Amino acid sequence: MRVKKIKIGIKGLGDVLDDFAEAAKAHQRGETVKKRSGIYFENLNTFRKALTQKRLEMLHIIKEKHPASVYELADILGRDIKNVTQDLEHLKEIGLVEIKDTKEKRKRLIPQVNYDTVAVEISI
């Protein structure tokens, strides 16, 4: 099985702007700029609000049990569907969950986690 990693980091605005300026200068010199991707938070508090224990548990359940719908996910987690839907939307916005839409008899939303590892990087 191929392992896909998602990089999550904590970088202040100054660090992000410095990275951007460095890439822009390299591009102006005609150098190839290596594409870097990841999800970055401004500080540790923002990171903690985004990736709560319940959301991390949700990611694990989606990866391991492959629920066939948001309703099934809520049932497995023993949580209210409304709260699960809100958490899924937030995780989707930051790029940690994909939602597949089916067009069967009834429309179903299927949450998916398409990676095996999350790597956390903190700038000091």
C-alpha atoms as a PDB file:
ATOM      1  CA  MET A   1       0.000   0.000   0.000  1.00  0.00           C
ATOM      2  CA  ARG A   2       1.300   3.410  -0.915  1.00  0.00           C
ATOM      3  CA  VAL A   3       1.492   5.810   2.013  1.00  0.00           C
ATOM      4  CA  LYS A   4       0.310   9.338   1.402  1.00  0.00           C
ATOM      5  CA  LYS A   5       1.371  11.947   3.931  1.00  0.00           C
ATOM      6  CA  ILE A   6      -0.217  15.275   4.720  1.00  0.00           C
ATOM      7  CA  LYS A   7       2.018  17.882   6.292  1.00  0.00           C
ATOM      8  CA  ILE A   8       0.492  20.080   8.958  1.00  0.00           C
ATOM      9  CA  GLY A   9       2.545  22.935  10.297  1.00  0.00           C
ATOM     10  CA  ILE A  10       2.453  25.911  12.576  1.00  0.00           C
ATOM     11  CA  LYS A  11       3.954  29.048  11.039  1.00  0.00           C
ATOM     12  CA  GLY A  12       3.466  32.662  11.904  1.00  0.00           C
ATOM     13  CA  LEU A  13       2.483  35.152   9.232  1.00  0.00           C
ATOM     14  CA  GLY A  14       6.060  36.432   9.069  1.00  0.00           C
ATOM     15  CA  ASP A  15       7.400  32.946   8.273  1.00  0.00           C
ATOM     16  CA  VAL A  16       4.786  32.457   5.554  1.00  0.00           C
ATOM     17  CA  LEU A  17       5.618  35.816   3.964  1.00  0.00           C
ATOM     18  CA  ASP A  18       9.354  35.038   4.123  1.00  0.00           C
ATOM     19  CA  ASP A  19       8.753  31.704   2.344  1.00  0.00           C
ATOM     20  CA  PHE A  20       6.704  33.480  -0.315  1.00  0.00           C
ATOM     21  CA  ALA A  21       9.372  36.163  -0.849  1.00  0.00           C
ATOM     22  CA  GLU A  22      12.076  33.503  -1.152  1.00  0.00           C
ATOM     23  CA  ALA A  23      10.050  31.580  -3.752  1.00  0.00           C
ATOM     24  CA  ALA A  24       9.301  34.787  -5.707  1.00  0.00           C
ATOM     25  CA  LYS A  25      13.006  35.722  -5.831  1.00  0.00           C
ATOM     26  CA  ALA A  26      13.961  32.242  -6.998  1.00  0.00           C
ATOM     27  CA  HIS A  27      11.298  32.428  -9.713  1.00  0.00           C
ATOM     28  CA  GLN A  28      12.609  35.833 -10.862  1.00  0.00           C
ATOM     29  CA  ARG A  29      16.123  34.353 -11.144  1.00  0.00           C
ATOM     30  CA  GLY A  30      14.659  31.690 -13.444  1.00  0.00           C
ATOM     31  CA  GLU A  31      15.098  28.888 -10.938  1.00  0.00           C
ATOM     32  CA  THR A  32      12.611  26.099 -10.649  1.00  0.00           C
ATOM     33  CA  VAL A  33      10.606  26.554  -7.485  1.00  0.00           C
ATOM     34  CA  LYS A  34       9.851  23.303  -5.723  1.00  0.00           C
ATOM     35  CA  LYS A  35       6.146  22.912  -5.008  1.00  0.00           C
ATOM     36  CA  ARG A  36       5.455  22.512  -1.298  1.00  0.00           C
ATOM     37  CA  SER A  37       2.051  21.710   0.014  1.00  0.00           C
ATOM     38  CA  GLY A  38       0.592  21.420   3.431  1.00  0.00           C
ATOM     39  CA  ILE A  39      -1.860  22.858   5.882  1.00  0.00           C
ATOM     40  CA  TYR A  40      -0.494  25.583   8.116  1.00  0.00           C
ATOM     41  CA  PHE A  41      -1.876  27.246  11.214  1.00  0.00           C
ATOM     42  CA  GLU A  42      -0.740  30.564  12.647  1.00  0.00           C
ATOM     43  CA  ASN A  43      -0.236  29.275  16.177  1.00  0.00           C
ATOM     44  CA  LEU A  44      -0.709  26.281  18.431  1.00  0.00           C
ATOM     45  CA  ASN A  45      -4.086  27.484  19.754  1.00  0.00           C
ATOM     46  CA  THR A  46      -5.518  27.681  16.229  1.00  0.00           C
ATOM     47  CA  PHE A  47      -4.144  24.212  15.526  1.00  0.00           C
ATOM     48  CA  ARG A  48      -5.782  22.803  18.669  1.00  0.00           C
ATOM     49  CA  LYS A  49      -9.146  24.344  17.781  1.00  0.00           C
ATOM     50  CA  ALA A  50      -9.014  22.847  14.284  1.00  0.00           C
ATOM     51  CA  LEU A  51      -7.866  19.361  15.247  1.00  0.00           C
ATOM     52  CA  THR A  52      -9.750  18.472  18.396  1.00  0.00           C
ATOM     53  CA  GLN A  53      -9.696  14.989  19.882  1.00  0.00           C
ATOM     54  CA  LYS A  54     -13.178  14.297  18.456  1.00  0.00           C
ATOM     55  CA  ARG A  55     -12.101  15.356  14.955  1.00  0.00           C
ATOM     56  CA  LEU A  56      -8.974  13.213  15.121  1.00  0.00           C
ATOM     57  CA  GLU A  57     -11.128  10.275  16.237  1.00  0.00           C
ATOM     58  CA  MET A  58     -13.428  10.980  13.290  1.00  0.00           C
ATOM     59  CA  LEU A  59     -10.497  10.869  10.844  1.00  0.00           C
ATOM     60  CA  HIS A  60      -9.387   7.539  12.294  1.00  0.00           C
ATOM     61  CA  ILE A  61     -12.888   6.017  12.083  1.00  0.00           C
ATOM     62  CA  ILE A  62     -13.328   7.181   8.475  1.00  0.00           C
ATOM     63  CA  LYS A  63      -9.957   5.671   7.509  1.00  0.00           C
ATOM     64  CA  GLU A  64     -10.461   2.385   9.345  1.00  0.00           C
ATOM     65  CA  LYS A  65     -14.207   1.658   8.995  1.00  0.00           C
ATOM     66  CA  HIS A  66     -15.067   3.372   5.681  1.00  0.00           C
ATOM     67  CA  PRO A  67     -18.589   4.488   6.657  1.00  0.00           C
ATOM     68  CA  ALA A  68     -21.021   4.500   3.736  1.00  0.00           C
ATOM     69  CA  SER A  69     -22.634   7.771   4.796  1.00  0.00           C
ATOM     70  CA  VAL A  70     -22.454  10.651   7.253  1.00  0.00           C
ATOM     71  CA  TYR A  71     -25.342   9.030   9.150  1.00  0.00           C
ATOM     72  CA  GLU A  72     -23.373   5.810   9.534  1.00  0.00           C
ATOM     73  CA  LEU A  73     -20.339   7.778  10.706  1.00  0.00           C
ATOM     74  CA  ALA A  74     -22.429   9.582  13.336  1.00  0.00           C
ATOM     75  CA  ASP A  75     -23.821   6.239  14.485  1.00  0.00           C
ATOM     76  CA  ILE A  76     -20.349   4.681  14.819  1.00  0.00           C
ATOM     77  CA  LEU A  77     -19.125   7.708  16.748  1.00  0.00           C
ATOM     78  CA  GLY A  78     -22.266   7.872  18.902  1.00  0.00           C
ATOM     79  CA  ARG A  79     -22.597  11.570  18.113  1.00  0.00           C
ATOM     80  CA  ASP A  80     -25.374  13.846  16.870  1.00  0.00           C
ATOM     81  CA  ILE A  81     -25.542  14.062  13.051  1.00  0.00           C
ATOM     82  CA  LYS A  82     -25.521  17.869  13.138  1.00  0.00           C
ATOM     83  CA  ASN A  83     -22.251  18.004  15.098  1.00  0.00           C
ATOM     84  CA  VAL A  84     -20.656  15.349  12.896  1.00  0.00           C
ATOM     85  CA  THR A  85     -21.681  17.278   9.778  1.00  0.00           C
ATOM     86  CA  GLN A  86     -20.187  20.501  11.166  1.00  0.00           C
ATOM     87  CA  ASP A  87     -16.921  18.763  12.023  1.00  0.00           C
ATOM     88  CA  LEU A  88     -16.799  17.140   8.576  1.00  0.00           C
ATOM     89  CA  GLU A  89     -17.304  20.527   6.907  1.00  0.00           C
ATOM     90  CA  HIS A  90     -14.454  22.002   8.915  1.00  0.00           C
ATOM     91  CA  LEU A  91     -12.140  19.085   8.115  1.00  0.00           C
ATOM     92  CA  LYS A  92     -13.110  19.374   4.447  1.00  0.00           C
ATOM     93  CA  GLU A  93     -12.295  23.108   4.429  1.00  0.00           C
ATOM     94  CA  ILE A  94      -8.776  22.492   5.718  1.00  0.00           C
ATOM     95  CA  GLY A  95      -8.237  19.605   3.308  1.00  0.00           C
ATOM     96  CA  LEU A  96      -8.254  16.603   5.626  1.00  0.00           C
ATOM     97  CA  VAL A  97     -11.508  14.976   4.429  1.00  0.00           C
ATOM     98  CA  GLU A  98     -13.095  14.519   1.036  1.00  0.00           C
ATOM     99  CA  ILE A  99     -16.838  14.114   0.647  1.00  0.00           C
ATOM    100  CA  LYS A 100     -18.020  11.889  -2.186  1.00  0.00           C
ATOM    101  CA  ASP A 101     -21.560  12.532  -3.419  1.00  0.00           C
ATOM    102  CA  THR A 102     -23.520   9.525  -4.718  1.00  0.00           C
ATOM    103  CA  LYS A 103     -26.481   9.634  -7.072  1.00  0.00           C
ATOM    104  CA  GLU A 104     -28.158   6.388  -6.125  1.00  0.00           C
ATOM    105  CA  LYS A 105     -31.812   6.084  -5.082  1.00  0.00           C
ATOM    106  CA  ARG A 106     -31.154   8.549  -2.299  1.00  0.00           C
ATOM    107  CA  LYS A 107     -28.361  11.068  -2.320  1.00  0.00           C
ATOM    108  CA  ARG A 108     -25.632  10.059   0.131  1.00  0.00           C
ATOM    109  CA  LEU A 109     -22.530  11.887   1.236  1.00  0.00           C
ATOM    110  CA  ILE A 110     -19.616   9.539   1.860  1.00  0.00           C
ATOM    111  CA  PRO A 111     -16.686  10.882   3.890  1.00  0.00           C
ATOM    112  CA  GLN A 112     -13.250   9.733   2.750  1.00  0.00           C
ATOM    113  CA  VAL A 113      -9.728  10.004   4.124  1.00  0.00           C
ATOM    114  CA  ASN A 114      -7.255   9.374   1.308  1.00  0.00           C
ATOM    115  CA  TYR A 115      -3.985   9.356   3.228  1.00  0.00           C
ATOM    116  CA  ASP A 116      -2.302   7.143   5.784  1.00  0.00           C
ATOM    117  CA  THR A 117      -0.167   9.532   7.801  1.00  0.00           C
ATOM    118  CA  VAL A 118      -0.358  13.076   9.114  1.00  0.00           C
ATOM    119  CA  ALA A 119       3.027  14.678   9.817  1.00  0.00           C
ATOM    120  CA  VAL A 120       3.053  17.700  12.135  1.00  0.00           C
ATOM    121  CA  GLU A 121       5.826  20.282  11.796  1.00  0.00           C
ATOM    122  CA  ILE A 122       6.282  23.189  14.191  1.00  0.00           C
ATOM    123  CA  SER A 123       8.617  26.088  13.382  1.00  0.00           C
ATOM    124  CA  ILE A 124      10.598  27.387  16.335  1.00  0.00           C
END
